[in-house]
């Protein structure tokens, strides 16, 4: 209807243009995102290595437990990713405005928020590890193994949130080198 009209007007404020390939801009954007790229590659390699080791030492049940743990961990990691991605535009704005006082304020408050979230996630994870394991498995041995492993794994959130936020913060500053 009427909205499409704005796209097809020849000299309107909103119109299609032929895209231009600006390689320096593209390369800079790729370089700026290299820290996240390396982070995801490292997580993938670690996941493969862990799967191999779990299969070797604990067999198929261990791999099943690890898959469940990774799914649960991903839900918790999403809290840090969501926060970090939502704050990044604000960080970029204040960096562009050269408002270092507000950047420091955002960084300080964000670190506090990340640590509080980590403590809450660890407490929640420790508390619901057993019910979560029960929701995936019927075998008592597999439930106990998954609960034990999840309670150990969940402790890494003391550091994971800070790593995720730091990567996002420096990318927002356009300083991922």
N, C-alpha and C. Protein backbone atom coordinates (compact mmCIF):
# COMPACT_ATOMS: atom_id res chain seq x y z
N UNK A 1 0.75 -1.16 0.00
CA UNK A 1 0.00 0.00 0.00
C UNK A 1 0.82 1.27 0.00
N UNK A 2 0.41 2.18 0.84
CA UNK A 2 1.02 3.52 0.86
C UNK A 2 2.49 3.52 1.26
N UNK A 3 2.91 2.56 2.07
CA UNK A 3 4.31 2.54 2.50
C UNK A 3 5.24 2.24 1.33
N UNK A 4 4.84 1.32 0.48
CA UNK A 4 5.66 0.95 -0.67
C UNK A 4 5.85 2.15 -1.60
N UNK A 5 4.87 3.03 -1.65
CA UNK A 5 4.95 4.23 -2.48
C UNK A 5 6.23 5.03 -2.17
N UNK A 6 6.61 5.13 -0.89
CA UNK A 6 7.79 5.89 -0.51
C UNK A 6 9.08 5.28 -1.04
N UNK A 7 9.10 3.99 -1.26
CA UNK A 7 10.30 3.34 -1.77
C UNK A 7 10.44 3.48 -3.29
N UNK A 8 9.37 3.67 -3.97
CA UNK A 8 9.42 3.69 -5.42
C UNK A 8 9.31 5.08 -6.03
N UNK A 9 9.23 6.11 -5.21
CA UNK A 9 9.25 7.48 -5.74
C UNK A 9 10.65 7.78 -6.24
N UNK A 10 10.80 8.38 -7.37
CA UNK A 10 12.15 8.61 -7.91
C UNK A 10 13.00 9.57 -7.09
N UNK A 11 12.42 10.59 -6.49
CA UNK A 11 13.23 11.58 -5.78
C UNK A 11 12.74 11.79 -4.35
N UNK A 12 12.23 10.75 -3.74
CA UNK A 12 11.72 10.84 -2.37
C UNK A 12 12.85 10.74 -1.35
N UNK A 13 12.51 10.92 -0.09
CA UNK A 13 13.51 10.84 0.97
C UNK A 13 13.98 9.40 1.19
N UNK A 14 13.11 8.44 0.93
CA UNK A 14 13.48 7.03 1.06
C UNK A 14 13.43 6.43 -0.34
N UNK A 15 14.56 5.92 -0.79
CA UNK A 15 14.59 5.31 -2.11
C UNK A 15 15.74 4.31 -2.19
N UNK A 16 15.65 3.43 -3.15
CA UNK A 16 16.69 2.43 -3.36
C UNK A 16 17.84 3.05 -4.12
N UNK A 17 19.04 2.64 -3.77
CA UNK A 17 20.23 3.06 -4.50
C UNK A 17 21.05 1.83 -4.83
N UNK A 18 21.91 1.98 -5.79
CA UNK A 18 22.79 0.87 -6.14
C UNK A 18 23.86 0.76 -5.05
N UNK A 19 23.99 -0.44 -4.45
CA UNK A 19 24.98 -0.57 -3.37
C UNK A 19 26.41 -0.42 -3.89
N UNK A 20 27.26 0.17 -3.07
CA UNK A 20 28.68 0.33 -3.40
C UNK A 20 29.48 -0.56 -2.47
N UNK A 21 30.47 -1.22 -3.01
CA UNK A 21 31.32 -2.09 -2.22
C UNK A 21 32.53 -1.28 -1.75
N UNK A 22 32.55 -0.95 -0.47
CA UNK A 22 33.63 -0.16 0.12
C UNK A 22 34.52 -1.11 0.92
N UNK A 23 35.51 -1.68 0.27
CA UNK A 23 36.36 -2.69 0.90
C UNK A 23 37.06 -2.20 2.17
N UNK A 24 37.59 -0.99 2.23
CA UNK A 24 38.22 -0.56 3.49
C UNK A 24 37.26 -0.58 4.67
N UNK A 25 36.02 -0.18 4.44
CA UNK A 25 35.02 -0.18 5.50
C UNK A 25 34.69 -1.61 5.90
N UNK A 26 34.52 -2.48 4.92
CA UNK A 26 34.20 -3.89 5.19
C UNK A 26 35.35 -4.55 5.95
N UNK A 27 36.59 -4.32 5.51
CA UNK A 27 37.74 -4.92 6.19
C UNK A 27 37.88 -4.40 7.62
N UNK A 28 37.62 -3.12 7.82
CA UNK A 28 37.70 -2.56 9.18
C UNK A 28 36.63 -3.19 10.07
N UNK A 29 35.42 -3.36 9.55
CA UNK A 29 34.35 -3.98 10.32
C UNK A 29 34.70 -5.42 10.66
N UNK A 30 35.29 -6.13 9.70
CA UNK A 30 35.71 -7.52 9.96
C UNK A 30 36.80 -7.55 11.03
N UNK A 31 37.76 -6.65 10.92
CA UNK A 31 38.85 -6.61 11.90
C UNK A 31 38.30 -6.26 13.29
N UNK A 32 37.34 -5.36 13.34
CA UNK A 32 36.76 -4.96 14.62
C UNK A 32 36.02 -6.12 15.28
N UNK A 33 35.43 -7.01 14.49
CA UNK A 33 34.69 -8.14 15.04
C UNK A 33 35.52 -9.39 15.23
N UNK A 34 36.84 -9.29 15.03
CA UNK A 34 37.70 -10.48 15.09
C UNK A 34 37.71 -11.12 16.48
N UNK A 35 37.56 -10.32 17.53
CA UNK A 35 37.59 -10.90 18.88
C UNK A 35 36.40 -11.82 19.11
N UNK A 36 35.21 -11.39 18.64
CA UNK A 36 34.05 -12.27 18.77
C UNK A 36 34.20 -13.51 17.90
N UNK A 37 34.76 -13.33 16.69
CA UNK A 37 34.98 -14.46 15.79
C UNK A 37 35.91 -15.49 16.45
N UNK A 38 37.00 -15.02 17.01
CA UNK A 38 37.96 -15.93 17.66
C UNK A 38 37.31 -16.59 18.87
N UNK A 39 36.50 -15.82 19.60
CA UNK A 39 35.80 -16.38 20.75
C UNK A 39 34.89 -17.53 20.34
N UNK A 40 34.11 -17.35 19.28
CA UNK A 40 33.21 -18.41 18.83
C UNK A 40 33.97 -19.60 18.27
N UNK A 41 35.07 -19.35 17.58
CA UNK A 41 35.90 -20.46 17.08
C UNK A 41 36.47 -21.24 18.26
N UNK A 42 36.99 -20.53 19.25
CA UNK A 42 37.56 -21.19 20.43
C UNK A 42 36.50 -22.02 21.15
N UNK A 43 35.28 -21.46 21.30
CA UNK A 43 34.21 -22.21 21.98
C UNK A 43 33.87 -23.47 21.19
N UNK A 44 33.88 -23.38 19.87
CA UNK A 44 33.57 -24.55 19.04
C UNK A 44 34.63 -25.62 19.18
N UNK A 45 35.89 -25.21 19.15
CA UNK A 45 36.99 -26.17 19.28
C UNK A 45 36.95 -26.82 20.66
N UNK A 46 36.76 -26.02 21.69
CA UNK A 46 36.68 -26.55 23.05
C UNK A 46 35.51 -27.53 23.17
N UNK A 47 34.39 -27.20 22.57
CA UNK A 47 33.22 -28.09 22.61
C UNK A 47 33.52 -29.42 21.93
N UNK A 48 34.21 -29.39 20.81
CA UNK A 48 34.58 -30.63 20.12
C UNK A 48 35.52 -31.46 20.98
N UNK A 49 36.53 -30.82 21.55
CA UNK A 49 37.50 -31.53 22.40
C UNK A 49 36.80 -32.12 23.62
N UNK A 50 35.93 -31.35 24.24
CA UNK A 50 35.21 -31.85 25.41
C UNK A 50 34.33 -33.03 25.03
N UNK A 51 33.63 -32.93 23.90
CA UNK A 51 32.80 -34.05 23.45
C UNK A 51 33.62 -35.32 23.25
N UNK A 52 34.79 -35.17 22.67
CA UNK A 52 35.66 -36.34 22.46
C UNK A 52 36.10 -36.93 23.80
N UNK A 53 36.50 -36.06 24.72
CA UNK A 53 36.95 -36.52 26.03
C UNK A 53 35.80 -37.15 26.84
N UNK A 54 34.64 -36.52 26.79
CA UNK A 54 33.48 -37.05 27.51
C UNK A 54 33.10 -38.41 26.94
N UNK A 55 33.11 -38.53 25.62
CA UNK A 55 32.79 -39.81 24.99
C UNK A 55 33.80 -40.88 25.39
N UNK A 56 35.06 -40.50 25.45
CA UNK A 56 36.12 -41.45 25.83
C UNK A 56 35.97 -41.92 27.27
N UNK A 57 35.72 -41.01 28.20
CA UNK A 57 35.71 -41.35 29.61
C UNK A 57 34.33 -41.76 30.16
N UNK A 58 33.26 -41.20 29.57
CA UNK A 58 31.93 -41.45 30.14
C UNK A 58 30.95 -42.10 29.16
N UNK A 59 31.36 -42.26 27.92
CA UNK A 59 30.51 -42.93 26.94
C UNK A 59 29.35 -42.08 26.48
N UNK A 60 28.38 -42.75 25.88
CA UNK A 60 27.22 -42.07 25.30
C UNK A 60 26.43 -41.29 26.35
N UNK A 61 26.30 -41.82 27.55
CA UNK A 61 25.57 -41.10 28.60
C UNK A 61 26.25 -39.77 28.93
N UNK A 62 27.56 -39.77 28.93
CA UNK A 62 28.30 -38.53 29.20
C UNK A 62 28.05 -37.49 28.12
N UNK A 63 28.00 -37.93 26.87
CA UNK A 63 27.74 -37.00 25.77
C UNK A 63 26.32 -36.45 25.87
N UNK A 64 25.37 -37.30 26.24
CA UNK A 64 23.99 -36.82 26.44
C UNK A 64 23.94 -35.78 27.55
N UNK A 65 24.61 -36.06 28.65
CA UNK A 65 24.63 -35.12 29.77
C UNK A 65 25.29 -33.81 29.35
N UNK A 66 26.38 -33.91 28.62
CA UNK A 66 27.08 -32.70 28.16
C UNK A 66 26.19 -31.87 27.23
N UNK A 67 25.43 -32.52 26.37
CA UNK A 67 24.52 -31.80 25.48
C UNK A 67 23.46 -31.05 26.25
N UNK A 68 22.91 -31.68 27.27
CA UNK A 68 21.91 -31.03 28.12
C UNK A 68 22.55 -29.85 28.86
N UNK A 69 23.72 -30.07 29.40
CA UNK A 69 24.42 -29.00 30.14
C UNK A 69 24.68 -27.81 29.22
N UNK A 70 25.12 -28.06 28.00
CA UNK A 70 25.38 -26.98 27.06
C UNK A 70 24.11 -26.20 26.73
N UNK A 71 23.00 -26.90 26.62
CA UNK A 71 21.73 -26.22 26.35
C UNK A 71 21.34 -25.32 27.51
N UNK A 72 21.51 -25.81 28.71
CA UNK A 72 21.17 -25.03 29.91
C UNK A 72 22.13 -23.84 30.04
N UNK A 73 23.40 -24.07 29.83
CA UNK A 73 24.40 -23.01 29.92
C UNK A 73 24.11 -21.92 28.90
N UNK A 74 23.68 -22.31 27.69
CA UNK A 74 23.38 -21.33 26.65
C UNK A 74 22.27 -20.38 27.09
N UNK A 75 21.31 -20.89 27.82
CA UNK A 75 20.24 -20.03 28.33
C UNK A 75 20.82 -18.99 29.29
N UNK A 76 21.71 -19.42 30.16
CA UNK A 76 22.33 -18.49 31.11
C UNK A 76 23.27 -17.51 30.40
N UNK A 77 24.02 -17.98 29.41
CA UNK A 77 24.93 -17.11 28.66
C UNK A 77 24.15 -16.03 27.93
N UNK A 78 22.93 -16.35 27.53
CA UNK A 78 22.10 -15.38 26.81
C UNK A 78 21.84 -14.13 27.64
N UNK A 79 21.84 -14.25 28.94
CA UNK A 79 21.67 -13.08 29.81
C UNK A 79 22.82 -12.12 29.59
N UNK A 80 24.04 -12.64 29.58
CA UNK A 80 25.22 -11.78 29.38
C UNK A 80 25.30 -11.25 27.96
N UNK A 81 24.98 -12.09 26.99
CA UNK A 81 25.00 -11.64 25.60
C UNK A 81 23.96 -10.55 25.36
N UNK A 82 22.77 -10.75 25.90
CA UNK A 82 21.71 -9.76 25.73
C UNK A 82 22.08 -8.42 26.35
N UNK A 83 22.62 -8.47 27.57
CA UNK A 83 23.01 -7.22 28.23
C UNK A 83 24.14 -6.54 27.45
N UNK A 84 25.14 -7.30 27.09
CA UNK A 84 26.30 -6.74 26.39
C UNK A 84 25.91 -6.13 25.05
N UNK A 85 25.07 -6.82 24.31
CA UNK A 85 24.64 -6.30 23.01
C UNK A 85 23.73 -5.09 23.14
N UNK A 86 22.97 -5.01 24.22
CA UNK A 86 22.08 -3.86 24.38
C UNK A 86 22.83 -2.62 24.86
N UNK A 87 23.93 -2.79 25.56
CA UNK A 87 24.70 -1.65 26.05
C UNK A 87 25.68 -1.14 24.99
N UNK A 88 26.07 -1.98 24.04
CA UNK A 88 27.08 -1.62 23.04
C UNK A 88 26.75 -0.33 22.27
N UNK A 89 25.52 -0.12 21.80
CA UNK A 89 25.25 1.14 21.10
C UNK A 89 25.41 2.37 21.98
N UNK A 90 25.09 2.24 23.26
CA UNK A 90 25.25 3.36 24.19
C UNK A 90 26.74 3.66 24.37
N UNK A 91 27.54 2.60 24.48
CA UNK A 91 28.99 2.77 24.61
C UNK A 91 29.54 3.45 23.36
N UNK A 92 29.13 2.99 22.19
CA UNK A 92 29.60 3.60 20.94
C UNK A 92 29.21 5.06 20.84
N UNK A 93 28.00 5.37 21.25
CA UNK A 93 27.54 6.77 21.21
C UNK A 93 28.42 7.66 22.08
N UNK A 94 28.65 7.25 23.31
CA UNK A 94 29.45 8.07 24.22
C UNK A 94 30.92 8.11 23.82
N UNK A 95 31.39 7.04 23.21
CA UNK A 95 32.77 7.05 22.70
C UNK A 95 32.88 8.06 21.56
N UNK A 96 31.92 8.04 20.65
CA UNK A 96 31.92 9.00 19.54
C UNK A 96 31.80 10.43 20.02
N UNK A 97 31.06 10.64 21.10
CA UNK A 97 30.89 11.98 21.67
C UNK A 97 32.06 12.37 22.56
N UNK A 98 33.04 11.47 22.69
CA UNK A 98 34.22 11.67 23.54
C UNK A 98 33.84 11.97 24.99
N UNK A 99 32.80 11.32 25.45
CA UNK A 99 32.31 11.48 26.81
C UNK A 99 32.91 10.37 27.68
N UNK A 100 34.18 10.53 28.03
CA UNK A 100 34.90 9.50 28.77
C UNK A 100 34.35 9.30 30.17
N UNK A 101 33.82 10.34 30.77
CA UNK A 101 33.25 10.20 32.11
C UNK A 101 32.06 9.24 32.08
N UNK A 102 31.19 9.40 31.09
CA UNK A 102 30.04 8.51 30.99
C UNK A 102 30.47 7.09 30.59
N UNK A 103 31.50 6.96 29.76
CA UNK A 103 32.02 5.63 29.41
C UNK A 103 32.51 4.91 30.66
N UNK A 104 33.23 5.63 31.50
CA UNK A 104 33.71 5.04 32.75
C UNK A 104 32.54 4.64 33.64
N UNK A 105 31.53 5.49 33.70
CA UNK A 105 30.33 5.22 34.49
C UNK A 105 29.62 3.96 33.97
N UNK A 106 29.46 3.85 32.65
CA UNK A 106 28.82 2.68 32.05
C UNK A 106 29.63 1.43 32.35
N UNK A 107 30.94 1.51 32.20
CA UNK A 107 31.81 0.35 32.45
C UNK A 107 31.72 -0.10 33.91
N UNK A 108 31.79 0.84 34.83
CA UNK A 108 31.73 0.51 36.26
C UNK A 108 30.39 -0.12 36.63
N UNK A 109 29.31 0.50 36.18
CA UNK A 109 27.98 -0.05 36.49
C UNK A 109 27.77 -1.41 35.82
N UNK A 110 28.26 -1.54 34.61
CA UNK A 110 28.08 -2.80 33.88
C UNK A 110 28.84 -3.94 34.55
N UNK A 111 30.04 -3.68 35.03
CA UNK A 111 30.80 -4.72 35.73
C UNK A 111 30.05 -5.15 36.99
N UNK A 112 29.49 -4.19 37.70
CA UNK A 112 28.69 -4.54 38.88
C UNK A 112 27.48 -5.39 38.49
N UNK A 113 26.78 -4.97 37.44
CA UNK A 113 25.60 -5.71 36.98
C UNK A 113 25.99 -7.12 36.55
N UNK A 114 27.10 -7.25 35.84
CA UNK A 114 27.56 -8.56 35.37
C UNK A 114 27.88 -9.46 36.56
N UNK A 115 28.57 -8.95 37.56
CA UNK A 115 28.91 -9.78 38.72
C UNK A 115 27.68 -10.16 39.54
N UNK A 116 26.74 -9.23 39.69
CA UNK A 116 25.50 -9.57 40.40
C UNK A 116 24.73 -10.62 39.62
N UNK A 117 24.65 -10.45 38.30
CA UNK A 117 23.97 -11.45 37.47
C UNK A 117 24.66 -12.80 37.57
N UNK A 118 26.00 -12.79 37.59
CA UNK A 118 26.75 -14.05 37.70
C UNK A 118 26.44 -14.76 39.01
N UNK A 119 26.41 -14.01 40.09
CA UNK A 119 26.10 -14.61 41.39
C UNK A 119 24.68 -15.18 41.39
N UNK A 120 23.73 -14.43 40.84
CA UNK A 120 22.35 -14.91 40.78
C UNK A 120 22.22 -16.15 39.89
N UNK A 121 22.91 -16.14 38.77
CA UNK A 121 22.87 -17.29 37.86
C UNK A 121 23.50 -18.51 38.52
N UNK A 122 24.61 -18.33 39.20
CA UNK A 122 25.26 -19.45 39.88
C UNK A 122 24.32 -20.00 40.96
N UNK A 123 23.73 -19.13 41.75
CA UNK A 123 22.81 -19.58 42.80
C UNK A 123 21.60 -20.30 42.19
N UNK A 124 21.04 -19.72 41.14
CA UNK A 124 19.90 -20.34 40.48
C UNK A 124 20.30 -21.69 39.86
N UNK A 125 21.44 -21.70 39.18
CA UNK A 125 21.91 -22.94 38.55
C UNK A 125 22.16 -24.05 39.55
N UNK A 126 22.76 -23.68 40.68
CA UNK A 126 23.01 -24.68 41.72
C UNK A 126 21.69 -25.20 42.28
N UNK A 127 20.72 -24.30 42.42
CA UNK A 127 19.44 -24.69 43.00
C UNK A 127 18.56 -25.52 42.09
N UNK A 128 18.62 -25.26 40.79
CA UNK A 128 17.72 -25.97 39.88
C UNK A 128 18.43 -27.04 39.05
N UNK A 129 19.68 -27.33 39.36
CA UNK A 129 20.42 -28.34 38.59
C UNK A 129 19.71 -29.69 38.60
N UNK A 130 19.31 -30.13 39.76
CA UNK A 130 18.66 -31.44 39.86
C UNK A 130 17.31 -31.47 39.14
N UNK A 131 16.41 -30.50 39.38
CA UNK A 131 15.14 -30.52 38.63
C UNK A 131 15.33 -30.43 37.12
N UNK A 132 16.31 -29.66 36.69
CA UNK A 132 16.58 -29.57 35.25
C UNK A 132 17.04 -30.92 34.70
N UNK A 133 17.94 -31.57 35.41
CA UNK A 133 18.41 -32.89 34.96
C UNK A 133 17.25 -33.88 34.91
N UNK A 134 16.37 -33.81 35.90
CA UNK A 134 15.20 -34.71 35.92
C UNK A 134 14.26 -34.45 34.75
N UNK A 135 14.23 -33.22 34.27
CA UNK A 135 13.33 -32.91 33.16
C UNK A 135 13.83 -33.48 31.84
N UNK A 136 15.11 -33.85 31.78
CA UNK A 136 15.67 -34.40 30.55
C UNK A 136 15.84 -35.92 30.58
N UNK A 137 16.07 -36.47 31.77
CA UNK A 137 16.42 -37.89 31.87
C UNK A 137 15.54 -38.62 32.88
N UNK A 138 15.43 -39.96 32.68
CA UNK A 138 14.73 -40.83 33.62
C UNK A 138 15.72 -41.68 34.42
N UNK A 139 16.88 -41.91 33.86
CA UNK A 139 17.90 -42.76 34.48
C UNK A 139 18.52 -42.04 35.69
N UNK A 140 18.41 -42.61 36.90
CA UNK A 140 18.96 -41.94 38.10
C UNK A 140 20.46 -41.67 38.02
N UNK A 141 21.21 -42.59 37.42
CA UNK A 141 22.66 -42.36 37.29
C UNK A 141 22.95 -41.17 36.39
N UNK A 142 22.22 -41.07 35.29
CA UNK A 142 22.40 -39.96 34.35
C UNK A 142 21.95 -38.64 34.97
N UNK A 143 20.88 -38.69 35.75
CA UNK A 143 20.40 -37.49 36.46
C UNK A 143 21.46 -37.01 37.45
N UNK A 144 22.02 -37.93 38.23
CA UNK A 144 23.04 -37.55 39.22
C UNK A 144 24.30 -37.03 38.54
N UNK A 145 24.71 -37.68 37.46
CA UNK A 145 25.90 -37.26 36.72
C UNK A 145 25.70 -35.85 36.15
N UNK A 146 24.54 -35.63 35.52
CA UNK A 146 24.24 -34.32 34.92
C UNK A 146 24.16 -33.24 35.99
N UNK A 147 23.52 -33.54 37.10
CA UNK A 147 23.41 -32.57 38.20
C UNK A 147 24.80 -32.19 38.72
N UNK A 148 25.63 -33.18 38.96
CA UNK A 148 26.98 -32.94 39.47
C UNK A 148 27.80 -32.11 38.48
N UNK A 149 27.75 -32.50 37.20
CA UNK A 149 28.53 -31.78 36.18
C UNK A 149 28.02 -30.35 36.00
N UNK A 150 26.70 -30.17 36.01
CA UNK A 150 26.14 -28.82 35.85
C UNK A 150 26.53 -27.93 37.03
N UNK A 151 26.53 -28.47 38.22
CA UNK A 151 26.90 -27.67 39.40
C UNK A 151 28.37 -27.26 39.36
N UNK A 152 29.19 -28.06 38.76
CA UNK A 152 30.60 -27.67 38.59
C UNK A 152 30.72 -26.64 37.47
N UNK A 153 30.08 -26.92 36.35
CA UNK A 153 30.20 -26.08 35.15
C UNK A 153 29.66 -24.67 35.40
N UNK A 154 28.61 -24.55 36.19
CA UNK A 154 27.94 -23.27 36.40
C UNK A 154 28.86 -22.25 37.09
N UNK A 155 29.87 -22.73 37.77
CA UNK A 155 30.79 -21.83 38.49
C UNK A 155 31.56 -20.93 37.52
N UNK A 156 31.71 -21.35 36.28
CA UNK A 156 32.48 -20.55 35.32
C UNK A 156 31.83 -19.19 35.03
N UNK A 157 30.58 -19.00 35.46
CA UNK A 157 29.92 -17.73 35.22
C UNK A 157 30.53 -16.58 35.99
N UNK A 158 31.37 -16.86 36.99
CA UNK A 158 32.09 -15.78 37.65
C UNK A 158 32.96 -15.05 36.64
N UNK A 159 33.43 -15.76 35.60
CA UNK A 159 34.33 -15.17 34.61
C UNK A 159 33.66 -14.97 33.25
N UNK A 160 32.72 -15.82 32.89
CA UNK A 160 32.13 -15.79 31.56
C UNK A 160 31.46 -14.45 31.26
N UNK A 161 30.70 -13.93 32.19
CA UNK A 161 30.01 -12.66 31.97
C UNK A 161 30.98 -11.52 31.71
N UNK A 162 32.06 -11.48 32.46
CA UNK A 162 33.06 -10.43 32.29
C UNK A 162 33.75 -10.55 30.93
N UNK A 163 34.05 -11.76 30.51
CA UNK A 163 34.70 -11.97 29.21
C UNK A 163 33.76 -11.54 28.09
N UNK A 164 32.51 -11.94 28.17
CA UNK A 164 31.53 -11.59 27.14
C UNK A 164 31.34 -10.08 27.08
N UNK A 165 31.18 -9.45 28.25
CA UNK A 165 30.98 -8.01 28.28
C UNK A 165 32.22 -7.26 27.78
N UNK A 166 33.39 -7.69 28.19
CA UNK A 166 34.63 -7.02 27.77
C UNK A 166 34.78 -7.05 26.26
N UNK A 167 34.51 -8.18 25.67
CA UNK A 167 34.61 -8.30 24.21
C UNK A 167 33.65 -7.35 23.53
N UNK A 168 32.42 -7.30 24.01
CA UNK A 168 31.42 -6.41 23.43
C UNK A 168 31.78 -4.94 23.66
N UNK A 169 32.29 -4.62 24.83
CA UNK A 169 32.64 -3.24 25.17
C UNK A 169 33.74 -2.73 24.25
N UNK A 170 34.80 -3.52 24.06
CA UNK A 170 35.91 -3.06 23.21
C UNK A 170 35.52 -3.04 21.74
N UNK A 171 34.64 -3.92 21.33
CA UNK A 171 34.14 -3.85 19.97
C UNK A 171 33.32 -2.59 19.77
N UNK A 172 32.51 -2.22 20.76
CA UNK A 172 31.72 -1.00 20.68
C UNK A 172 32.61 0.24 20.64
N UNK A 173 33.79 0.14 21.26
CA UNK A 173 34.74 1.25 21.21
C UNK A 173 35.54 1.26 19.90
N UNK A 174 35.29 0.24 19.08
CA UNK A 174 36.02 0.09 17.81
C UNK A 174 37.49 -0.16 18.09
N UNK A 175 37.77 -0.89 19.20
CA UNK A 175 39.13 -1.16 19.62
C UNK A 175 39.29 -2.62 19.97
N UNK A 176 39.01 -3.48 19.04
CA UNK A 176 39.10 -4.92 19.33
C UNK A 176 40.50 -5.48 19.12
N UNK A 177 41.43 -4.64 18.70
CA UNK A 177 42.79 -5.14 18.45
C UNK A 177 43.43 -5.61 19.73
